[in-house]
Amino acid sequence: MSPRCLEKLAAYLDQGPAAHGWVEGQVWTASRVAPLIGRRFHVSYSVSGATRLMHRLAFTPQMPARRAAERDEQAVTAWTEVTWA
C-alpha cells in the first residue's frame, strides 16, 4: 500500500469498528481490518498481512481503546492475586 493509503487506513482505524459497520464497543482485529482494506482500497489482504499493516501503523489488534464500564476492579485484583498466582 502507498504511504497515502496507509494514512487513510490509519484514519479509518482511528474512527473505530462501529464507524465501519461492526457493533458498537467492538475492537479492531486483523480479521476485521482485512475486509475493511478490501472494501476501502479494493486490495486483498490476508489476516496475517493485515496484522503486519496494523503493527506498522502502531495499532495492536484486539486492544480496546478504553476499559469496559462494567469492569469490577476488586474482582480483577482478587483474581490476579489469588487465582492467577
C-alpha atoms as a PDB file:
ATOM      1  CA  MET A   1       0.000   0.000   0.000  1.00  0.00           C
ATOM      2  CA  SER A   2       1.182   3.507  -0.729  1.00  0.00           C
ATOM      3  CA  PRO A   3       2.011   5.931   2.104  1.00  0.00           C
ATOM      4  CA  ARG A   4      -1.166   7.892   1.260  1.00  0.00           C
ATOM      5  CA  CYS A   5      -3.285   4.728   1.550  1.00  0.00           C
ATOM      6  CA  LEU A   6      -1.625   3.872   4.852  1.00  0.00           C
ATOM      7  CA  GLU A   7      -2.545   7.347   6.158  1.00  0.00           C
ATOM      8  CA  LYS A   8      -6.153   6.771   5.106  1.00  0.00           C
ATOM      9  CA  LEU A   9      -6.174   3.336   6.729  1.00  0.00           C
ATOM     10  CA  ALA A  10      -4.861   4.808   9.983  1.00  0.00           C
ATOM     11  CA  ALA A  11      -7.656   7.395   9.877  1.00  0.00           C
ATOM     12  CA  TYR A  12     -10.245   4.643   9.313  1.00  0.00           C
ATOM     13  CA  LEU A  13      -8.841   2.661  12.226  1.00  0.00           C
ATOM     14  CA  ASP A  14      -8.971   5.760  14.434  1.00  0.00           C
ATOM     15  CA  GLN A  15     -12.696   6.027  13.689  1.00  0.00           C
ATOM     16  CA  GLY A  16     -13.244   2.628  15.284  1.00  0.00           C
ATOM     17  CA  PRO A  17     -15.006  -0.505  14.076  1.00  0.00           C
ATOM     18  CA  ALA A  18     -18.512   0.863  14.720  1.00  0.00           C
ATOM     19  CA  ALA A  19     -17.956   3.573  12.097  1.00  0.00           C
ATOM     20  CA  HIS A  20     -17.417   0.817   9.547  1.00  0.00           C
ATOM     21  CA  GLY A  21     -20.359  -1.437  10.297  1.00  0.00           C
ATOM     22  CA  TRP A  22     -19.355  -3.501  13.314  1.00  0.00           C
ATOM     23  CA  VAL A  23     -21.255  -3.436  16.601  1.00  0.00           C
ATOM     24  CA  GLU A  24     -20.572  -0.542  18.981  1.00  0.00           C
ATOM     25  CA  GLY A  25     -17.951  -1.401  21.586  1.00  0.00           C
ATOM     26  CA  GLN A  26     -16.063  -3.843  19.353  1.00  0.00           C
ATOM     27  CA  VAL A  27     -12.305  -3.615  18.869  1.00  0.00           C
ATOM     28  CA  TRP A  28     -10.190  -3.941  15.755  1.00  0.00           C
ATOM     29  CA  THR A  29      -8.978  -7.398  14.954  1.00  0.00           C
ATOM     30  CA  ALA A  30      -6.927  -8.403  11.944  1.00  0.00           C
ATOM     31  CA  SER A  31      -9.930 -10.393  10.682  1.00  0.00           C
ATOM     32  CA  ARG A  32     -11.932  -7.150  10.669  1.00  0.00           C
ATOM     33  CA  VAL A  33      -9.173  -4.980   9.213  1.00  0.00           C
ATOM     34  CA  ALA A  34      -8.558  -7.304   6.234  1.00  0.00           C
ATOM     35  CA  PRO A  35     -12.104  -6.876   4.795  1.00  0.00           C
ATOM     36  CA  LEU A  36     -12.016  -3.157   5.613  1.00  0.00           C
ATOM     37  CA  ILE A  37      -8.909  -2.851   3.437  1.00  0.00           C
ATOM     38  CA  GLY A  38     -10.669  -4.792   0.695  1.00  0.00           C
ATOM     39  CA  ARG A  39     -13.764  -2.575   0.805  1.00  0.00           C
ATOM     40  CA  ARG A  40     -11.933   0.747   1.003  1.00  0.00           C
ATOM     41  CA  PHE A  41      -8.885   0.129  -1.180  1.00  0.00           C
ATOM     42  CA  HIS A  42     -10.004  -2.760  -3.432  1.00  0.00           C
ATOM     43  CA  VAL A  43      -6.952  -4.767  -2.428  1.00  0.00           C
ATOM     44  CA  SER A  44      -6.987  -8.241  -0.926  1.00  0.00           C
ATOM     45  CA  TYR A  45      -5.015  -8.733   2.300  1.00  0.00           C
ATOM     46  CA  SER A  46      -4.752 -11.884   4.372  1.00  0.00           C
ATOM     47  CA  VAL A  47      -5.329 -11.751   8.112  1.00  0.00           C
ATOM     48  CA  SER A  48      -1.576 -12.034   8.707  1.00  0.00           C
ATOM     49  CA  GLY A  49      -0.934  -9.257   6.182  1.00  0.00           C
ATOM     50  CA  ALA A  50      -3.496  -7.059   7.944  1.00  0.00           C
ATOM     51  CA  THR A  51      -1.751  -7.797  11.256  1.00  0.00           C
ATOM     52  CA  ARG A  52       1.575  -6.633   9.821  1.00  0.00           C
ATOM     53  CA  LEU A  53      -0.029  -3.448   8.487  1.00  0.00           C
ATOM     54  CA  MET A  54      -1.636  -2.755  11.859  1.00  0.00           C
ATOM     55  CA  HIS A  55       1.706  -3.141  13.617  1.00  0.00           C
ATOM     56  CA  ARG A  56       3.327  -0.875  11.041  1.00  0.00           C
ATOM     57  CA  LEU A  57       0.722   1.763  11.902  1.00  0.00           C
ATOM     58  CA  ALA A  58       1.253   1.211  15.665  1.00  0.00           C
ATOM     59  CA  PHE A  59      -2.162  -0.413  16.121  1.00  0.00           C
ATOM     60  CA  THR A  60      -2.430  -3.598  18.099  1.00  0.00           C
ATOM     61  CA  PRO A  61      -5.262  -5.946  17.265  1.00  0.00           C
ATOM     62  CA  GLN A  62      -7.797  -6.772  19.978  1.00  0.00           C
ATOM     63  CA  MET A  63      -6.780  -3.964  22.317  1.00  0.00           C
ATOM     64  CA  PRO A  64      -9.765  -1.894  23.460  1.00  0.00           C
ATOM     65  CA  ALA A  65      -9.323   1.870  23.430  1.00  0.00           C
ATOM     66  CA  ARG A  66     -10.801   2.145  26.910  1.00  0.00           C
ATOM     67  CA  ARG A  67     -11.777  -0.158  29.747  1.00  0.00           C
ATOM     68  CA  ALA A  68     -15.279  -1.531  29.994  1.00  0.00           C
ATOM     69  CA  ALA A  69     -17.647   0.432  32.212  1.00  0.00           C
ATOM     70  CA  GLU A  70     -18.753  -2.869  33.794  1.00  0.00           C
ATOM     71  CA  ARG A  71     -15.200  -3.702  34.908  1.00  0.00           C
ATOM     72  CA  ASP A  72     -15.066  -4.737  38.563  1.00  0.00           C
ATOM     73  CA  GLU A  73     -11.642  -3.662  39.852  1.00  0.00           C
ATOM     74  CA  GLN A  74     -11.997  -5.638  43.093  1.00  0.00           C
ATOM     75  CA  ALA A  75     -12.723  -8.837  41.170  1.00  0.00           C
ATOM     76  CA  VAL A  76      -9.759  -8.210  38.876  1.00  0.00           C
ATOM     77  CA  THR A  77      -7.440  -7.624  41.834  1.00  0.00           C
ATOM     78  CA  ALA A  78      -8.702 -10.725  43.637  1.00  0.00           C
ATOM     79  CA  TRP A  79      -8.276 -12.859  40.534  1.00  0.00           C
ATOM     80  CA  THR A  80      -4.765 -11.504  39.912  1.00  0.00           C
ATOM     81  CA  GLU A  81      -3.594 -12.020  43.486  1.00  0.00           C
ATOM     82  CA  VAL A  82      -5.366 -15.299  44.336  1.00  0.00           C
ATOM     83  CA  THR A  83      -6.405 -17.281  41.285  1.00  0.00           C
ATOM     84  CA  TRP A  84      -3.637 -16.378  38.857  1.00  0.00           C
ATOM     85  CA  ALA A  85      -0.870 -16.548  41.469  1.00  0.00           C
END
